[in-house]
Amino acid sequence: MSAQVAPADLTLRYPEVGTGPVPTDIYYQPEFYDRELEAIFKRAWLCVGRVEQIASPGDFFVKEIGTFEMSILIVRGKDNVVRGFHNVCQHRGNHIELEKSGNCQLFRCPFHGWAYALDGTLAGVPDAEAFYDLKREDKGLPTVAVDVWEGFIFINLDNAPEQTLEEFLGQQGRDLAGYPFHLGTNTFEYEGIVNCNWKCMIDSFCETYHVPILHKRSIIDTLAGPDNPFGRVLDVRFKAPHRTISVVGNMAYQPNPVQGLAFQYAPGPSITSGSVDEKTTLPKGLNETRAENWSIDVQAFFPNWLIVIGSGMYFTHQMWPLGPNQVIWQMRGFLRPATNAAMRFGQENSMVELRDAVLEDGNTLERIQRSMNQGLIKEFVYHDHELALRLQHHTVVNWVADYERRFQSVKR
């Protein structure tokens, strides 16, 4: 019996997105990029880290948001509350914290020594008597909206977010509740600047139509194979504004000798399998079709964060736009701690294979961007199984239009 893949006409489930060509102008026009920043990135909840990074009171980390040349300070207070602040001293504007992470009881500006408590209040000013009309209560650190979902820390740059984090994550967030993200305490990271639009890079991880061609030297036999020669997906689900892509695995794949050893001792097909807890079941939002030949889910959280789950670890991609034609790409992998050398070997093998596949994904992007910039490709014609890309385009355009419609209404 041939492997289960999604039927044709996935796109017809979502008539609102249409089936025709999609214009490429939103991928390169500077004017539209500026509109995106206002309508999307200054309003959406953005993931910046995990609670394990600030496990104890006084723990902090600094997150640089290159999109806005902004430095954000995330800290766990003495009351155990996670807070966010702009990393800006209210005296002369210097960054109060220059370390990427650490633990402290006070933040002290390295310029003139103004000190701030963990709750952001101004706690100390050297030679305060020499200031005229200094109102300490007005000089605390500027706050940033912060909330936590399943151990992931999110910020919102709007001082009064229209939605709570729970409301923003919606069905996609609810459907992943209970997944043991907290077990992935060993991490690895890759990061780079790519000369392409942020949406172009997200697109590269949200379809598998390219697998038989682009990945013919790496993962073609694990994600495609003779029963699925075109790399079709199992499922695509739109949980506005987010989306999930369930990917087929070739269950008949026979690993080479080195892979065989690695697969034998590495974690199983998801972080919940093997020695962690044999009774653990996947949450509703993972492999929602419950297909036996499921491999991974790509959980795409609008606008710029992806979680990929099901390959012996979970890992995230995040894209921070620097301009219409440039993006910071950050990838972070999460593994449960190895209990012996054999398991560590298996994990290292998985990390290397993953790295190579991701580099293949990225190697087309700058060429695609140049083609769009030069006006040589004015529209995309999407395959049915590139539905997630069509959904992203639809969501971006609608968010910008909705924001501007409401903003202009207020101005009038």
Protein backbone atom coordinates (compact mmCIF):
# COMPACT_ATOMS: atom_id res chain seq x y z
CA MET A 1 0.00 0.00 0.00
CA SER A 2 1.38 3.39 -0.96
CA ALA A 3 2.19 5.96 1.70
CA GLN A 4 -0.50 8.36 2.80
CA VAL A 5 -0.09 11.89 1.50
CA ALA A 6 -2.51 14.78 1.41
CA PRO A 7 -5.06 14.67 -1.39
CA ALA A 8 -5.05 17.16 -4.21
CA ASP A 9 -6.85 20.48 -3.84
CA LEU A 10 -5.58 21.41 -0.39
CA THR A 11 -5.87 25.03 -1.51
CA LEU A 12 -9.59 24.69 -2.15
CA ARG A 13 -10.14 24.30 1.61
CA TYR A 14 -9.39 28.01 1.87
CA PRO A 15 -11.28 29.78 -0.91
CA GLU A 16 -10.41 33.16 0.55
CA VAL A 17 -6.80 32.81 -0.65
CA GLY A 18 -7.67 31.97 -4.25
CA THR A 19 -5.78 29.77 -6.68
CA GLY A 20 -4.35 32.30 -9.13
CA PRO A 21 -0.88 33.86 -9.40
CA VAL A 22 0.32 35.92 -6.43
CA PRO A 23 2.19 39.21 -7.00
CA THR A 24 5.76 39.41 -5.71
CA ASP A 25 5.81 43.13 -4.97
CA ILE A 26 5.45 42.63 -1.20
CA TYR A 27 8.80 40.80 -1.24
CA TYR A 28 10.96 43.71 -2.38
CA GLN A 29 9.22 47.09 -2.36
CA PRO A 30 10.79 49.39 0.30
CA GLU A 31 7.48 51.21 0.74
CA PHE A 32 5.60 48.00 1.57
CA TYR A 33 8.38 46.89 3.93
CA ASP A 34 7.95 50.09 5.95
CA ARG A 35 4.21 49.43 6.14
CA GLU A 36 4.86 45.87 7.38
CA LEU A 37 6.97 47.10 10.25
CA GLU A 38 4.18 49.36 11.47
CA ALA A 39 1.26 47.03 10.82
CA ILE A 40 2.84 43.70 11.80
CA PHE A 41 6.10 43.79 13.73
CA LYS A 42 5.06 46.60 16.05
CA ARG A 43 1.75 44.84 16.84
CA ALA A 44 2.36 41.08 16.83
CA TRP A 45 3.70 39.03 19.73
CA LEU A 46 7.34 38.07 19.01
CA CYS A 47 9.21 35.18 20.61
CA VAL A 48 12.50 36.20 22.25
CA GLY A 49 13.61 33.23 24.38
CA ARG A 50 12.75 30.58 26.95
CA VAL A 51 12.21 30.58 30.68
CA GLU A 52 15.17 28.25 31.21
CA GLN A 53 17.39 31.21 30.30
CA ILE A 54 16.14 33.03 33.42
CA ALA A 55 15.47 30.18 35.81
CA SER A 56 16.26 32.05 39.07
CA PRO A 57 15.43 35.49 40.47
CA GLY A 58 17.96 38.01 39.15
CA ASP A 59 18.65 36.02 35.97
CA PHE A 60 18.48 38.11 32.82
CA PHE A 61 19.29 38.04 29.14
CA VAL A 62 19.50 40.75 26.50
CA LYS A 63 17.72 40.30 23.18
CA GLU A 64 18.86 42.50 20.32
CA ILE A 65 16.01 43.24 17.90
CA GLY A 66 17.91 44.19 14.76
CA THR A 67 14.69 45.07 12.94
CA PHE A 68 14.33 48.20 15.06
CA GLU A 69 17.95 48.54 16.32
CA MET A 70 16.45 47.88 19.71
CA SER A 71 17.92 46.20 22.80
CA ILE A 72 15.46 44.42 25.10
CA LEU A 73 16.24 43.28 28.64
CA ILE A 74 14.34 40.23 29.94
CA VAL A 75 14.66 39.55 33.67
CA ARG A 76 13.14 37.39 36.38
CA GLY A 77 12.36 39.56 39.40
CA LYS A 78 12.71 38.78 43.07
CA ASP A 79 8.97 38.07 43.01
CA ASN A 80 9.60 35.45 40.28
CA VAL A 81 7.75 37.55 37.66
CA VAL A 82 9.24 37.71 34.16
CA ARG A 83 9.51 41.30 32.95
CA GLY A 84 10.77 43.11 29.88
CA PHE A 85 12.39 46.53 29.57
CA HIS A 86 14.09 48.61 26.96
CA ASN A 87 17.79 48.35 27.74
CA VAL A 88 18.17 52.13 27.95
CA CYS A 89 19.36 54.20 30.90
CA GLN A 90 17.01 57.11 31.50
CA HIS A 91 19.84 59.52 32.19
CA ARG A 92 21.70 59.77 28.86
CA GLY A 93 20.45 56.77 26.89
CA ASN A 94 23.33 54.34 27.31
CA HIS A 95 22.56 50.62 27.49
CA ILE A 96 22.46 49.70 31.17
CA GLU A 97 23.43 46.06 30.54
CA LEU A 98 26.23 45.13 28.17
CA GLU A 99 26.44 41.42 28.99
CA LYS A 100 24.31 39.00 26.96
CA SER A 101 23.12 37.22 30.10
CA GLY A 102 23.83 36.86 33.79
CA ASN A 103 22.47 37.32 37.28
CA CYS A 104 22.33 40.50 39.34
CA GLN A 105 20.42 42.31 42.06
CA LEU A 106 20.65 45.73 40.42
CA PHE A 107 21.28 46.91 36.88
CA ARG A 108 23.91 49.63 36.97
CA CYS A 109 24.60 51.82 33.95
CA PRO A 110 28.32 51.65 33.05
CA PHE A 111 28.27 55.33 32.00
CA HIS A 112 27.32 57.28 35.15
CA GLY A 113 26.22 54.53 37.53
CA TRP A 114 22.47 55.03 37.62
CA ALA A 115 21.05 51.86 39.19
CA TYR A 116 17.76 50.11 38.51
CA ALA A 117 15.99 47.44 40.54
CA LEU A 118 14.85 44.19 38.92
CA ASP A 119 11.34 45.62 38.62
CA GLY A 120 12.72 48.52 36.56
CA THR A 121 12.38 51.27 39.17
CA LEU A 122 15.21 53.76 39.55
CA ALA A 123 17.02 52.63 42.71
CA GLY A 124 20.10 54.82 42.87
CA VAL A 125 21.59 58.01 41.40
CA PRO A 126 25.15 59.07 42.25
CA ASP A 127 25.29 62.64 43.61
CA ALA A 128 21.53 62.97 43.18
CA GLU A 129 21.49 66.28 45.10
CA ALA A 130 23.16 68.05 42.18
CA PHE A 131 20.23 67.39 39.81
CA TYR A 132 17.48 69.95 39.35
CA ASP A 133 13.93 68.69 39.73
CA LEU A 134 14.81 64.99 39.34
CA LYS A 135 11.62 62.90 39.66
CA ARG A 136 12.86 59.37 40.30
CA GLU A 137 9.39 57.86 39.95
CA ASP A 138 9.33 59.03 36.32
CA LYS A 139 12.76 57.66 35.41
CA GLY A 140 12.27 53.92 35.65
CA LEU A 141 13.17 51.67 32.74
CA PRO A 142 10.63 51.78 29.89
CA THR A 143 8.60 48.59 30.05
CA VAL A 144 7.89 46.12 27.26
CA ALA A 145 4.81 43.89 27.27
CA VAL A 146 5.86 40.31 28.16
CA ASP A 147 4.03 37.01 28.44
CA VAL A 148 4.91 33.31 28.43
CA TRP A 149 3.46 30.39 26.47
CA GLU A 150 4.66 26.83 27.13
CA GLY A 151 7.95 28.20 28.45
CA PHE A 152 8.57 30.52 25.47
CA ILE A 153 8.90 34.21 26.30
CA PHE A 154 7.16 36.68 23.99
CA ILE A 155 7.22 40.46 23.81
CA ASN A 156 4.92 42.95 22.15
CA LEU A 157 6.27 46.36 21.15
CA ASP A 158 2.84 47.95 21.38
CA ASN A 159 2.46 49.56 24.80
CA ALA A 160 -1.17 48.39 24.87
CA PRO A 161 -1.40 45.17 22.80
CA GLU A 162 -4.75 44.64 21.10
CA GLN A 163 -4.66 40.95 21.99
CA THR A 164 -3.26 38.97 24.87
CA LEU A 165 -0.62 36.41 23.93
CA GLU A 166 -3.16 33.63 24.46
CA GLU A 167 -5.60 35.34 22.09
CA PHE A 168 -2.90 35.97 19.51
CA LEU A 169 -1.65 32.36 19.48
CA GLY A 170 -5.24 31.18 19.28
CA GLN A 171 -6.03 27.66 18.18
CA GLN A 172 -2.46 26.87 17.19
CA GLY A 173 -1.23 27.68 20.66
CA ARG A 174 -4.02 25.71 22.33
CA ASP A 175 -3.43 22.69 20.10
CA LEU A 176 0.24 22.42 21.16
CA ALA A 177 -0.41 22.83 24.88
CA GLY A 178 1.29 20.16 26.96
CA TYR A 179 4.11 19.28 24.58
CA PRO A 180 7.25 18.79 26.72
CA PHE A 181 9.28 21.67 25.35
CA HIS A 182 10.92 21.98 28.76
CA LEU A 183 12.81 18.70 28.25
CA GLY A 184 14.98 20.19 25.51
CA THR A 185 17.50 21.78 27.84
CA ASN A 186 20.60 21.18 25.68
CA THR A 187 20.70 23.70 22.88
CA PHE A 188 22.65 24.55 19.75
CA GLU A 189 22.39 27.62 17.55
CA TYR A 190 23.10 28.83 14.02
CA GLU A 191 22.73 32.42 12.88
CA GLY A 192 23.45 34.44 9.76
CA ILE A 193 22.47 37.44 7.67
CA VAL A 194 20.87 36.57 4.34
CA ASN A 195 20.22 39.05 1.54
CA CYS A 196 16.57 38.25 1.01
CA ASN A 197 13.16 39.33 2.26
CA TRP A 198 12.07 37.83 5.59
CA LYS A 199 9.01 36.20 3.99
CA CYS A 200 11.16 34.59 1.31
CA MET A 201 13.17 32.81 3.98
CA ILE A 202 10.10 31.64 5.85
CA ASP A 203 8.72 30.26 2.59
CA SER A 204 11.79 28.06 2.15
CA PHE A 205 10.92 26.08 5.30
CA CYS A 206 7.16 25.81 4.74
CA GLU A 207 6.87 23.56 1.68
CA THR A 208 8.31 20.21 0.62
CA TYR A 209 7.69 20.46 -3.12
CA HIS A 210 11.43 21.22 -3.41
CA VAL A 211 12.62 18.17 -1.45
CA PRO A 212 13.16 15.72 -4.36
CA ILE A 213 15.30 18.27 -6.24
CA LEU A 214 17.00 20.62 -3.78
CA HIS A 215 17.67 17.90 -1.18
CA LYS A 216 18.64 15.11 -3.57
CA ARG A 217 22.00 14.71 -1.77
CA SER A 218 20.63 14.81 1.77
CA ILE A 219 17.09 14.15 2.98
CA ILE A 220 15.24 13.10 -0.18
CA ASP A 221 15.02 9.46 0.91
CA THR A 222 13.73 10.27 4.39
CA LEU A 223 11.07 12.84 3.44
CA ALA A 224 10.08 11.61 -0.02
CA GLY A 225 10.99 8.18 -1.39
CA PRO A 226 9.40 6.00 -4.06
CA ASP A 227 5.90 6.15 -2.52
CA ASN A 228 5.98 9.95 -2.48
CA PRO A 229 8.18 10.97 -5.43
CA PHE A 230 7.04 14.61 -5.49
CA GLY A 231 7.50 15.26 -1.79
CA ARG A 232 3.86 15.91 -1.07
CA VAL A 233 2.83 16.84 2.46
CA LEU A 234 0.36 15.08 4.71
CA ASP A 235 -1.59 18.16 5.63
CA VAL A 236 -1.65 21.96 5.78
CA ARG A 237 -3.90 23.68 8.30
CA PHE A 238 -4.59 27.38 8.58
CA LYS A 239 -5.17 28.58 12.15
CA ALA A 240 -5.30 32.27 11.37
CA PRO A 241 -2.90 33.98 11.39
CA HIS A 242 -0.75 30.87 11.94
CA ARG A 243 -0.39 27.63 9.97
CA THR A 244 0.84 24.07 10.34
CA ILE A 245 2.50 21.86 7.73
CA SER A 246 2.63 18.10 8.44
CA VAL A 247 5.39 16.34 6.51
CA VAL A 248 5.56 12.75 5.25
CA GLY A 249 8.29 10.41 6.40
CA ASN A 250 9.53 7.48 4.32
CA MET A 251 8.99 4.64 6.77
CA ALA A 252 10.79 2.20 4.46
CA TYR A 253 14.02 4.21 4.46
CA GLN A 254 17.13 2.14 5.18
CA PRO A 255 19.87 4.26 6.78
CA ASN A 256 23.52 3.95 5.84
CA PRO A 257 25.79 2.30 8.44
CA VAL A 258 26.74 5.52 10.26
CA GLN A 259 23.14 6.72 10.27
CA GLY A 260 22.04 3.33 11.52
CA LEU A 261 24.26 3.63 14.56
CA ALA A 262 23.14 7.20 15.15
CA PHE A 263 19.44 6.35 14.83
CA GLN A 264 19.85 3.40 17.18
CA TYR A 265 21.12 5.54 20.04
CA ALA A 266 19.64 8.97 19.37
CA PRO A 267 16.15 9.96 20.55
CA GLY A 268 13.25 8.63 18.55
CA PRO A 269 11.01 10.47 16.11
CA SER A 270 9.97 13.05 18.67
CA ILE A 271 11.24 14.41 21.95
CA THR A 272 8.41 12.58 23.73
CA SER A 273 9.48 9.13 22.57
CA GLY A 274 11.89 6.56 23.89
CA SER A 275 13.12 6.80 27.44
CA VAL A 276 11.37 10.07 28.29
CA ASP A 277 7.87 8.71 28.80
CA GLU A 278 6.45 5.85 26.79
CA LYS A 279 2.92 6.85 27.80
CA THR A 280 3.24 10.43 26.55
CA THR A 281 0.88 11.17 23.70
CA LEU A 282 1.20 13.91 21.13
CA PRO A 283 -0.96 16.98 21.66
CA LYS A 284 -3.81 17.52 19.22
CA GLY A 285 -1.86 20.00 17.11
CA LEU A 286 0.96 17.58 16.22
CA ASN A 287 0.34 15.14 13.36
CA GLU A 288 -3.30 16.12 13.45
CA THR A 289 -4.17 13.49 10.83
CA ARG A 290 -2.53 10.84 13.06
CA ALA A 291 -0.88 9.37 9.97
CA GLU A 292 1.51 6.49 10.60
CA ASN A 293 4.01 7.89 8.10
CA TRP A 294 4.22 11.29 9.77
CA SER A 295 7.72 12.72 10.06
CA ILE A 296 7.68 16.32 11.32
CA ASP A 297 5.38 19.28 11.76
CA VAL A 298 6.41 22.79 10.82
CA GLN A 299 4.40 25.01 13.16
CA ALA A 300 4.54 28.50 11.61
CA PHE A 301 3.63 31.24 14.07
CA PHE A 302 2.94 34.58 12.43
CA PRO A 303 4.85 36.63 11.68
CA ASN A 304 8.42 35.34 11.98
CA TRP A 305 8.76 32.21 14.16
CA LEU A 306 8.69 28.51 13.24
CA ILE A 307 8.87 25.44 15.49
CA VAL A 308 9.82 22.18 13.79
CA ILE A 309 8.96 19.13 15.90
CA GLY A 310 9.48 15.43 15.44
CA SER A 311 13.07 14.66 14.50
CA GLY A 312 14.57 13.53 17.80
CA MET A 313 14.65 17.13 18.91
CA TYR A 314 12.70 20.25 18.21
CA PHE A 315 14.17 23.34 16.68
CA THR A 316 13.08 26.85 15.84
CA HIS A 317 13.71 29.28 13.01
CA GLN A 318 13.25 33.00 13.48
CA MET A 319 13.59 35.72 10.88
CA TRP A 320 14.23 39.33 11.90
CA PRO A 321 13.96 41.69 8.92
CA LEU A 322 16.71 44.27 8.46
CA GLY A 323 15.29 45.74 5.28
CA PRO A 324 13.21 44.73 2.27
CA ASN A 325 16.13 42.64 0.98
CA GLN A 326 17.91 41.49 4.13
CA VAL A 327 17.10 39.32 7.15
CA ILE A 328 18.77 37.95 10.26
CA TRP A 329 18.09 34.20 10.41
CA GLN A 330 18.38 32.52 13.80
CA MET A 331 18.00 28.79 14.30
CA ARG A 332 18.00 27.18 17.73
CA GLY A 333 17.84 23.44 18.40
CA PHE A 334 16.65 21.87 21.66
CA LEU A 335 17.66 18.36 22.73
CA ARG A 336 17.11 16.47 25.94
CA PRO A 337 20.43 15.77 27.71
CA ALA A 338 22.29 12.71 26.49
CA THR A 339 22.59 9.96 29.08
CA ASN A 340 25.60 8.23 27.48
CA ALA A 341 28.21 8.68 24.75
CA ALA A 342 26.22 6.67 22.18
CA MET A 343 23.22 8.96 22.55
CA ARG A 344 25.49 12.00 22.28
CA PHE A 345 26.94 10.60 19.04
CA GLY A 346 23.45 10.14 17.66
CA GLN A 347 22.54 13.71 18.52
CA GLU A 348 25.68 15.08 16.89
CA ASN A 349 24.91 13.16 13.72
CA SER A 350 21.38 14.59 13.69
CA MET A 351 22.72 18.11 14.17
CA VAL A 352 25.12 17.77 11.24
CA GLU A 353 22.49 16.30 8.91
CA LEU A 354 20.07 19.04 9.91
CA ARG A 355 22.69 21.73 9.33
CA ASP A 356 23.41 20.46 5.83
CA ALA A 357 19.73 20.33 4.87
CA VAL A 358 19.12 23.85 6.18
CA LEU A 359 22.09 25.18 4.20
CA GLU A 360 20.54 23.66 1.10
CA ASP A 361 17.26 25.40 1.94
CA GLY A 362 19.04 28.73 2.20
CA ASN A 363 21.22 28.54 -0.86
CA THR A 364 18.49 29.61 -3.32
CA LEU A 365 17.26 32.66 -1.45
CA GLU A 366 19.61 35.42 -2.57
CA ARG A 367 19.21 34.41 -6.21
CA ILE A 368 15.41 34.47 -5.85
CA GLN A 369 15.58 37.90 -4.26
CA ARG A 370 17.74 39.34 -7.04
CA SER A 371 15.28 38.04 -9.63
CA MET A 372 12.42 39.82 -7.89
CA ASN A 373 14.41 43.03 -7.36
CA GLN A 374 15.22 43.12 -11.08
CA GLY A 375 11.56 42.77 -12.01
CA LEU A 376 12.17 39.45 -13.72
CA ILE A 377 9.52 37.58 -11.75
CA LYS A 378 6.42 39.61 -11.02
CA GLU A 379 4.24 36.80 -9.71
CA PHE A 380 4.44 33.38 -8.11
CA VAL A 381 2.41 30.45 -9.42
CA TYR A 382 1.96 28.20 -6.41
CA HIS A 383 1.70 24.41 -6.39
CA ASP A 384 -1.21 23.04 -4.36
CA HIS A 385 1.27 21.85 -1.73
CA GLU A 386 2.81 25.32 -1.49
CA LEU A 387 -0.41 26.40 0.19
CA ALA A 388 1.37 27.62 3.32
CA LEU A 389 3.18 30.23 1.20
CA ARG A 390 -0.08 31.44 -0.28
CA LEU A 391 -1.53 31.65 3.24
CA GLN A 392 1.40 33.76 4.42
CA HIS A 393 1.01 36.18 1.51
CA HIS A 394 -2.72 36.46 2.21
CA THR A 395 -2.16 37.10 5.92
CA VAL A 396 0.56 39.73 5.44
CA VAL A 397 -1.49 41.70 2.91
CA ASN A 398 -4.60 41.55 5.10
CA TRP A 399 -2.79 42.62 8.29
CA VAL A 400 -1.32 45.64 6.54
CA ALA A 401 -4.63 46.59 4.91
CA ASP A 402 -6.61 46.13 8.13
CA TYR A 403 -4.18 48.21 10.17
CA GLU A 404 -4.10 51.03 7.66
CA ARG A 405 -7.87 51.06 7.26
CA ARG A 406 -8.35 51.41 11.02
CA PHE A 407 -5.46 53.85 11.46
CA GLN A 408 -6.69 56.12 8.69
CA SER A 409 -10.20 55.97 10.15
CA VAL A 410 -8.86 57.16 13.51
CA LYS A 411 -6.86 59.97 11.87
CA ARG A 412 -9.95 61.27 10.09
